[in-house]
C-alpha atoms as a PDB file:
ATOM      1  CA  MET A   1       0.537 -36.423  68.448  1.00  0.00           C
ATOM      2  CA  ASN A   2      -2.219 -34.007  67.456  1.00  0.00           C
ATOM      3  CA  LYS A   3       0.334 -31.245  67.097  1.00  0.00           C
ATOM      4  CA  ASN A   4       2.362 -33.349  64.665  1.00  0.00           C
ATOM      5  CA  ILE A   5      -0.725 -34.107  62.580  1.00  0.00           C
ATOM      6  CA  LEU A   6      -1.684 -30.440  62.461  1.00  0.00           C
ATOM      7  CA  ALA A   7       1.847 -29.455  61.454  1.00  0.00           C
ATOM      8  CA  SER A   8       1.853 -32.019  58.659  1.00  0.00           C
ATOM      9  CA  LEU A   9      -1.516 -30.782  57.397  1.00  0.00           C
ATOM     10  CA  ALA A  10      -0.235 -27.203  57.417  1.00  0.00           C
ATOM     11  CA  ILE A  11       2.798 -28.160  55.328  1.00  0.00           C
ATOM     12  CA  VAL A  12       0.623 -30.048  52.827  1.00  0.00           C
ATOM     13  CA  LEU A  13      -1.768 -27.088  52.486  1.00  0.00           C
ATOM     14  CA  PHE A  14       1.148 -24.681  52.033  1.00  0.00           C
ATOM     15  CA  LEU A  15       2.688 -26.807  49.276  1.00  0.00           C
ATOM     16  CA  PHE A  16      -0.693 -27.233  47.558  1.00  0.00           C
ATOM     17  CA  ALA A  17      -1.304 -23.483  47.642  1.00  0.00           C
ATOM     18  CA  GLY A  18       2.117 -22.855  46.147  1.00  0.00           C
ATOM     19  CA  CYS A  19       1.504 -25.312  43.302  1.00  0.00           C
ATOM     20  CA  SER A  20      -1.905 -23.777  42.596  1.00  0.00           C
ATOM     21  CA  LYS A  21      -0.404 -20.309  42.413  1.00  0.00           C
ATOM     22  CA  ARG A  22       2.264 -21.402  39.958  1.00  0.00           C
ATOM     23  CA  THR A  23      -0.363 -23.067  37.768  1.00  0.00           C
ATOM     24  CA  LEU A  24      -2.409 -19.858  37.647  1.00  0.00           C
ATOM     25  CA  VAL A  25       0.611 -17.781  36.733  1.00  0.00           C
ATOM     26  CA  ILE A  26       1.475 -20.073  33.836  1.00  0.00           C
ATOM     27  CA  LYS A  27      -2.111 -20.050  32.598  1.00  0.00           C
ATOM     28  CA  GLN A  28      -2.341 -16.272  32.844  1.00  0.00           C
ATOM     29  CA  SER A  29       0.936 -15.931  30.956  1.00  0.00           C
ATOM     30  CA  GLY A  30      -0.444 -18.092  28.178  1.00  0.00           C
ATOM     31  CA  ILE A  31      -3.572 -15.977  27.897  1.00  0.00           C
ATOM     32  CA  SER A  32      -1.517 -12.813  27.838  1.00  0.00           C
ATOM     33  CA  SER A  33       0.758 -14.169  25.112  1.00  0.00           C
ATOM     34  CA  HIS A  34      -2.197 -15.251  22.985  1.00  0.00           C
ATOM     35  CA  LYS A  35      -3.872 -11.868  23.383  1.00  0.00           C
ATOM     36  CA  THR A  36      -0.724 -10.082  22.206  1.00  0.00           C
ATOM     37  CA  GLN A  37      -0.739 -12.062  18.968  1.00  0.00           C
ATOM     38  CA  ILE A  38      -4.368 -11.128  18.342  1.00  0.00           C
ATOM     39  CA  ASP A  39      -3.725  -7.442  19.031  1.00  0.00           C
ATOM     40  CA  ASN A  40      -0.835  -7.420  16.578  1.00  0.00           C
ATOM     41  CA  THR A  41      -3.098  -8.320  13.646  1.00  0.00           C
ATOM     42  CA  TRP A  42      -3.796  -4.600  13.203  1.00  0.00           C
ATOM     43  CA  ALA A  43      -0.477  -4.383  11.306  1.00  0.00           C
ATOM     44  CA  ASN A  44      -1.828  -6.601   8.509  1.00  0.00           C
ATOM     45  CA  GLU A  45      -5.093  -4.670   8.456  1.00  0.00           C
ATOM     46  CA  THR A  46      -3.163  -1.427   8.122  1.00  0.00           C
ATOM     47  CA  ASN A  47      -1.310  -2.758   5.071  1.00  0.00           C
ATOM     48  CA  VAL A  48      -4.618  -3.662   3.449  1.00  0.00           C
ATOM     49  CA  ASN A  49      -6.195  -0.294   4.210  1.00  0.00           C
ATOM     50  CA  GLU A  50      -3.169   1.491   2.813  1.00  0.00           C
ATOM     51  CA  ASN A  51      -4.170   0.280  -0.641  1.00  0.00           C
ATOM     52  CA  VAL A  52      -7.755   1.455  -0.486  1.00  0.00           C
ATOM     53  CA  ASP A  53      -7.387   5.029  -1.749  1.00  0.00           C
ATOM     54  CA  ILE A  54      -4.344   4.674  -3.995  1.00  0.00           C
ATOM     55  CA  SER A  55      -6.368   5.524  -7.094  1.00  0.00           C
ATOM     56  CA  ASP A  56      -7.204   9.021  -5.882  1.00  0.00           C
ATOM     57  CA  LEU A  57      -4.983  12.109  -5.976  1.00  0.00           C
ATOM     58  CA  GLU A  58      -6.239  13.401  -2.657  1.00  0.00           C
ATOM     59  CA  ASN A  59      -2.858  13.184  -0.927  1.00  0.00           C
ATOM     60  CA  ASN A  60      -0.599  13.093  -3.977  1.00  0.00           C
ATOM     61  CA  MET A  61      -0.888  16.473  -5.662  1.00  0.00           C
ATOM     62  CA  THR A  62       1.671  18.961  -6.865  1.00  0.00           C
ATOM     63  CA  VAL A  63       1.426  22.615  -5.842  1.00  0.00           C
ATOM     64  CA  THR A  64      -0.350  23.445  -9.108  1.00  0.00           C
ATOM     65  CA  ASP A  65      -2.851  20.593  -8.699  1.00  0.00           C
ATOM     66  CA  ALA A  66      -3.618  21.619  -5.137  1.00  0.00           C
ATOM     67  CA  ALA A  67      -4.365  25.198  -6.193  1.00  0.00           C
ATOM     68  CA  ALA A  68      -6.721  24.022  -8.921  1.00  0.00           C
ATOM     69  CA  VAL A  69      -8.619  21.717  -6.575  1.00  0.00           C
ATOM     70  CA  THR A  70      -8.857  24.419  -3.891  1.00  0.00           C
ATOM     71  CA  GLU A  71     -10.928  26.499  -6.299  1.00  0.00           C
ATOM     72  CA  ASN A  72     -13.447  23.651  -6.476  1.00  0.00           C
ATOM     73  CA  THR A  73     -13.610  22.535  -2.843  1.00  0.00           C
ATOM     74  CA  SER A  74     -17.396  22.686  -2.861  1.00  0.00           C
ATOM     75  CA  GLN A  75     -17.607  20.014  -5.550  1.00  0.00           C
ATOM     76  CA  THR A  76     -18.385  16.460  -4.549  1.00  0.00           C
ATOM     77  CA  LYS A  77     -16.139  13.586  -5.551  1.00  0.00           C
ATOM     78  CA  MET A  78     -16.683  12.247  -9.043  1.00  0.00           C
ATOM     79  CA  GLU A  79     -18.762   9.088  -9.223  1.00  0.00           C
ATOM     80  CA  ARG A  80     -17.036   6.055 -10.677  1.00  0.00           C
ATOM     81  CA  ILE A  81     -18.538   3.924 -13.404  1.00  0.00           C
ATOM     82  CA  THR A  82     -19.921   0.526 -12.440  1.00  0.00           C
ATOM     83  CA  PHE A  83     -17.140  -1.985 -11.858  1.00  0.00           C
ATOM     84  CA  PRO A  84     -16.906  -3.972 -15.152  1.00  0.00           C
ATOM     85  CA  VAL A  85     -16.843  -7.526 -13.816  1.00  0.00           C
ATOM     86  CA  ALA A  86     -16.751  -9.093 -17.303  1.00  0.00           C
ATOM     87  CA  GLU A  87     -13.647  -7.096 -18.316  1.00  0.00           C
ATOM     88  CA  TYR A  88     -11.711  -8.148 -15.253  1.00  0.00           C
ATOM     89  CA  ARG A  89     -12.860 -11.748 -15.488  1.00  0.00           C
ATOM     90  CA  HIS A  90     -11.027 -12.078 -18.817  1.00  0.00           C
ATOM     91  CA  LEU A  91      -7.713 -10.748 -17.466  1.00  0.00           C
ATOM     92  CA  SER A  92      -4.860 -13.230 -17.040  1.00  0.00           C
ATOM     93  CA  ARG A  93      -3.921 -13.818 -13.411  1.00  0.00           C
ATOM     94  CA  THR A  94      -0.514 -15.436 -13.976  1.00  0.00           C
ATOM     95  CA  GLY A  95       2.374 -14.616 -16.285  1.00  0.00           C
ATOM     96  CA  LYS A  96       6.114 -14.600 -16.928  1.00  0.00           C
ATOM     97  CA  GLY A  97       6.728 -11.001 -17.910  1.00  0.00           C
ATOM     98  CA  THR A  98       9.000  -8.509 -16.146  1.00  0.00           C
ATOM     99  CA  VAL A  99       8.634  -4.739 -15.835  1.00  0.00           C
ATOM    100  CA  LYS A 100      11.556  -2.849 -14.378  1.00  0.00           C
ATOM    101  CA  GLY A 101      12.970   0.644 -14.391  1.00  0.00           C
ATOM    102  CA  THR A 102      13.608   3.722 -12.258  1.00  0.00           C
ATOM    103  CA  ILE A 103      11.188   6.215 -10.762  1.00  0.00           C
ATOM    104  CA  TYR A 104      12.446   9.783 -10.438  1.00  0.00           C
ATOM    105  CA  LEU A 105      11.684  13.473 -10.914  1.00  0.00           C
ATOM    106  CA  LYS A 106      13.724  15.909 -12.989  1.00  0.00           C
ATOM    107  CA  ASP A 107      14.244  19.504 -11.915  1.00  0.00           C
ATOM    108  CA  ALA A 108      14.774  22.494 -14.233  1.00  0.00           C
ATOM    109  CA  TYR A 109      18.469  21.609 -14.508  1.00  0.00           C
ATOM    110  CA  GLU A 110      17.747  18.003 -15.551  1.00  0.00           C
ATOM    111  CA  LYS A 111      18.932  16.746 -12.163  1.00  0.00           C
ATOM    112  CA  ALA A 112      17.342  13.407 -11.221  1.00  0.00           C
ATOM    113  CA  ILE A 113      15.567  13.154  -7.862  1.00  0.00           C
ATOM    114  CA  PRO A 114      14.924   9.433  -7.208  1.00  0.00           C
ATOM    115  CA  GLY A 115      11.796   8.037  -5.631  1.00  0.00           C
ATOM    116  CA  LYS A 116      13.417   6.264  -2.704  1.00  0.00           C
ATOM    117  CA  ALA A 117      11.715   3.246  -1.116  1.00  0.00           C
ATOM    118  CA  THR A 118       8.345   4.151  -2.567  1.00  0.00           C
ATOM    119  CA  ARG A 119       5.442   1.884  -3.516  1.00  0.00           C
ATOM    120  CA  LEU A 120       4.604   1.305  -7.170  1.00  0.00           C
ATOM    121  CA  TYR A 121       1.802  -0.692  -8.739  1.00  0.00           C
ATOM    122  CA  LEU A 122       0.546  -2.001 -12.060  1.00  0.00           C
ATOM    123  CA  ASN A 123      -3.125  -1.331 -12.732  1.00  0.00           C
ATOM    124  CA  PRO A 124      -4.628  -3.252 -15.723  1.00  0.00           C
ATOM    125  CA  ILE A 125      -6.041  -0.918 -18.380  1.00  0.00           C
ATOM    126  CA  THR A 126      -9.820  -1.303 -18.473  1.00  0.00           C
ATOM    127  CA  SER A 127     -12.732   1.099 -18.852  1.00  0.00           C
ATOM    128  CA  TYR A 128     -12.653   1.394 -15.056  1.00  0.00           C
ATOM    129  CA  SER A 129      -8.988   2.381 -14.793  1.00  0.00           C
ATOM    130  CA  LYS A 130      -9.230   4.607 -17.892  1.00  0.00           C
ATOM    131  CA  GLN A 131     -11.792   6.730 -16.091  1.00  0.00           C
ATOM    132  CA  TRP A 132      -9.355   7.182 -13.197  1.00  0.00           C
ATOM    133  CA  TYR A 133      -6.466   8.002 -15.552  1.00  0.00           C
ATOM    134  CA  ASN A 134      -8.398  10.562 -17.613  1.00  0.00           C
ATOM    135  CA  GLU A 135     -10.467  12.204 -14.917  1.00  0.00           C
ATOM    136  CA  SER A 136      -8.291  11.933 -11.806  1.00  0.00           C
ATOM    137  CA  TYR A 137      -4.661  11.651 -12.911  1.00  0.00           C
ATOM    138  CA  LEU A 138      -4.873  13.934 -15.957  1.00  0.00           C
ATOM    139  CA  GLY A 139      -7.913  15.986 -14.982  1.00  0.00           C
ATOM    140  CA  GLY A 140      -7.091  16.440 -11.297  1.00  0.00           C
ATOM    141  CA  TYR A 141     -10.581  15.572 -10.050  1.00  0.00           C
ATOM    142  CA  LYS A 142     -11.121  13.685  -6.815  1.00  0.00           C
ATOM    143  CA  MET A 143     -13.011  10.449  -7.229  1.00  0.00           C
ATOM    144  CA  GLN A 144     -15.068   8.229  -5.004  1.00  0.00           C
ATOM    145  CA  LYS A 145     -13.381   5.263  -3.347  1.00  0.00           C
ATOM    146  CA  ALA A 146     -12.511   2.493  -5.785  1.00  0.00           C
ATOM    147  CA  ASP A 147     -14.428  -0.780  -5.759  1.00  0.00           C
ATOM    148  CA  ASN A 148     -12.651  -3.229  -3.433  1.00  0.00           C
ATOM    149  CA  ARG A 149     -12.626  -5.870  -6.180  1.00  0.00           C
ATOM    150  CA  LEU A 150     -10.061  -3.787  -8.070  1.00  0.00           C
ATOM    151  CA  PHE A 151      -7.326  -4.670  -5.579  1.00  0.00           C
ATOM    152  CA  ASN A 152      -7.435  -8.321  -6.593  1.00  0.00           C
ATOM    153  CA  TYR A 153      -5.938  -7.282  -9.931  1.00  0.00           C
ATOM    154  CA  LEU A 154      -3.226  -4.819  -8.847  1.00  0.00           C
ATOM    155  CA  ARG A 155       0.437  -5.807  -8.576  1.00  0.00           C
ATOM    156  CA  PHE A 156       2.689  -4.049  -6.087  1.00  0.00           C
ATOM    157  CA  THR A 157       6.402  -3.567  -5.615  1.00  0.00           C
ATOM    158  CA  ALA A 158       8.732  -1.043  -3.975  1.00  0.00           C
ATOM    159  CA  SER A 159      11.762   0.867  -5.221  1.00  0.00           C
ATOM    160  CA  ASP A 160      15.203   0.846  -3.614  1.00  0.00           C
ATOM    161  CA  ASN A 161      17.105   3.923  -2.432  1.00  0.00           C
ATOM    162  CA  GLU A 162      18.101   4.706  -6.012  1.00  0.00           C
ATOM    163  CA  GLY A 163      14.531   4.537  -7.262  1.00  0.00           C
ATOM    164  CA  LYS A 164      15.009   1.213  -9.085  1.00  0.00           C
ATOM    165  CA  PHE A 165      12.075  -1.210  -9.145  1.00  0.00           C
ATOM    166  CA  SER A 166      11.042  -4.548 -10.675  1.00  0.00           C
ATOM    167  CA  PHE A 167       7.785  -6.454 -11.167  1.00  0.00           C
ATOM    168  CA  TYR A 168       8.074 -10.202 -11.831  1.00  0.00           C
ATOM    169  CA  GLY A 169       5.544 -12.758 -13.056  1.00  0.00           C
ATOM    170  CA  VAL A 170       3.493 -10.120 -14.856  1.00  0.00           C
ATOM    171  CA  PRO A 171       0.640 -11.497 -17.031  1.00  0.00           C
ATOM    172  CA  SER A 172       0.426 -10.396 -20.665  1.00  0.00           C
ATOM    173  CA  GLY A 173      -1.594  -7.223 -21.014  1.00  0.00           C
ATOM    174  CA  ARG A 174      -1.620  -3.425 -20.870  1.00  0.00           C
ATOM    175  CA  TYR A 175      -1.149  -1.590 -17.593  1.00  0.00           C
ATOM    176  CA  TYR A 176      -0.878   1.804 -15.980  1.00  0.00           C
ATOM    177  CA  LEU A 177       2.468   1.893 -14.175  1.00  0.00           C
ATOM    178  CA  ILE A 178       2.023   4.193 -11.172  1.00  0.00           C
ATOM    179  CA  GLY A 179       4.203   5.480  -8.359  1.00  0.00           C
ATOM    180  CA  THR A 180       4.953   8.556  -6.253  1.00  0.00           C
ATOM    181  CA  VAL A 181       8.074  10.551  -5.442  1.00  0.00           C
ATOM    182  CA  LYS A 182       8.293  12.505  -2.200  1.00  0.00           C
ATOM    183  CA  CYS A 183      10.102  15.793  -2.672  1.00  0.00           C
ATOM    184  CA  GLY A 184      10.705  18.892  -0.555  1.00  0.00           C
ATOM    185  CA  SER A 185      13.277  21.667  -0.754  1.00  0.00           C
ATOM    186  CA  GLU A 186      15.189  19.865  -3.518  1.00  0.00           C
ATOM    187  CA  CYS A 187      12.110  20.439  -5.702  1.00  0.00           C
ATOM    188  CA  GLY A 188      11.668  24.020  -4.543  1.00  0.00           C
ATOM    189  CA  TYR A 189       8.764  23.248  -2.156  1.00  0.00           C
ATOM    190  CA  SER A 190       8.585  24.809   1.309  1.00  0.00           C
ATOM    191  CA  VAL A 191       6.510  21.805   2.413  1.00  0.00           C
ATOM    192  CA  PRO A 192       7.298  18.241   1.193  1.00  0.00           C
ATOM    193  CA  LYS A 193       4.941  16.958  -1.503  1.00  0.00           C
ATOM    194  CA  SER A 194       4.145  13.492  -2.836  1.00  0.00           C
ATOM    195  CA  ILE A 195       4.064  13.717  -6.617  1.00  0.00           C
ATOM    196  CA  ARG A 196       2.275  10.940  -8.460  1.00  0.00           C
ATOM    197  CA  ILE A 197       3.548   9.688 -11.807  1.00  0.00           C
ATOM    198  CA  ALA A 198       1.695   7.356 -14.186  1.00  0.00           C
ATOM    199  CA  THR A 199       2.427   5.973 -17.635  1.00  0.00           C
ATOM    200  CA  GLN A 200       1.312   3.064 -19.810  1.00  0.00           C
ATOM    201  CA  VAL A 201       3.200  -0.160 -20.372  1.00  0.00           C
ATOM    202  CA  SER A 202       2.457  -3.285 -22.405  1.00  0.00           C
ATOM    203  CA  VAL A 203       3.701  -6.808 -21.645  1.00  0.00           C
ATOM    204  CA  THR A 204       3.596  -9.907 -23.862  1.00  0.00           C
ATOM    205  CA  GLY A 205       4.719 -13.391 -22.824  1.00  0.00           C
ATOM    206  CA  ASN A 206       8.074 -13.480 -21.046  1.00  0.00           C
ATOM    207  CA  GLN A 207       9.172 -10.032 -22.203  1.00  0.00           C
ATOM    208  CA  ILE A 208      11.422  -7.923 -20.012  1.00  0.00           C
ATOM    209  CA  ILE A 209      10.149  -4.351 -20.314  1.00  0.00           C
ATOM    210  CA  GLU A 210      12.345  -1.500 -19.121  1.00  0.00           C
ATOM    211  CA  LYS A 211      10.333   1.632 -18.430  1.00  0.00           C
ATOM    212  CA  SER A 212      11.393   4.730 -16.529  1.00  0.00           C
ATOM    213  CA  LEU A 213       8.683   6.482 -14.546  1.00  0.00           C
ATOM    214  CA  THR A 214       9.515  10.190 -14.538  1.00  0.00           C
ATOM    215  CA  ARG A 215       8.218  13.724 -14.923  1.00  0.00           C
ATOM    216  CA  LEU A 216       9.457  17.284 -14.578  1.00  0.00           C
ATOM    217  CA  VAL A 217       8.989  19.134 -11.295  1.00  0.00           C
ATOM    218  CA  ASP A 218       6.327  21.817 -11.701  1.00  0.00           C
END
């Protein structure tokens, strides 16, 4: 009789242990799954950080620009003016305009080299962005990191494999249209370069503005 009771108790304990083990496995799996989702948030953070230094020419210079900057490597980065909060506060945040076109380079034979799958952005023209355009884009000087508030006013898009791009819902105003074209041997470079191109564009109401973004290869 005692043996039967002991055998029954052993079976009960075995089944209980098995159930407990399965419960722990399921719980651990849940924790693991949740942790994976948290770890994957770095992808979104990377996209944000990618925008941080877009207003500088540090990694987007032609061969000529690079040579000029090399001569002044001891210089510190140019200080930006104070972010003009009042100017940006008066900018429209919604709109119905469209800006579209093609981004490409032209070689000495007028051959078009498209900017494939590259990022472009519209930067509202203010005293803050004018400093970047005049001193960094035209002048070739490196500048300090842009104020993070600027990125609330930029509009981004990407080109297709033919270099075609479109911005929709653009508010009325004046903008710098900016993008880069990566080019290597087809531009005569031994090492691939990212060449930045910028121009001005104006949008009013529901206008559809067609604007090519191009420049000659140095």
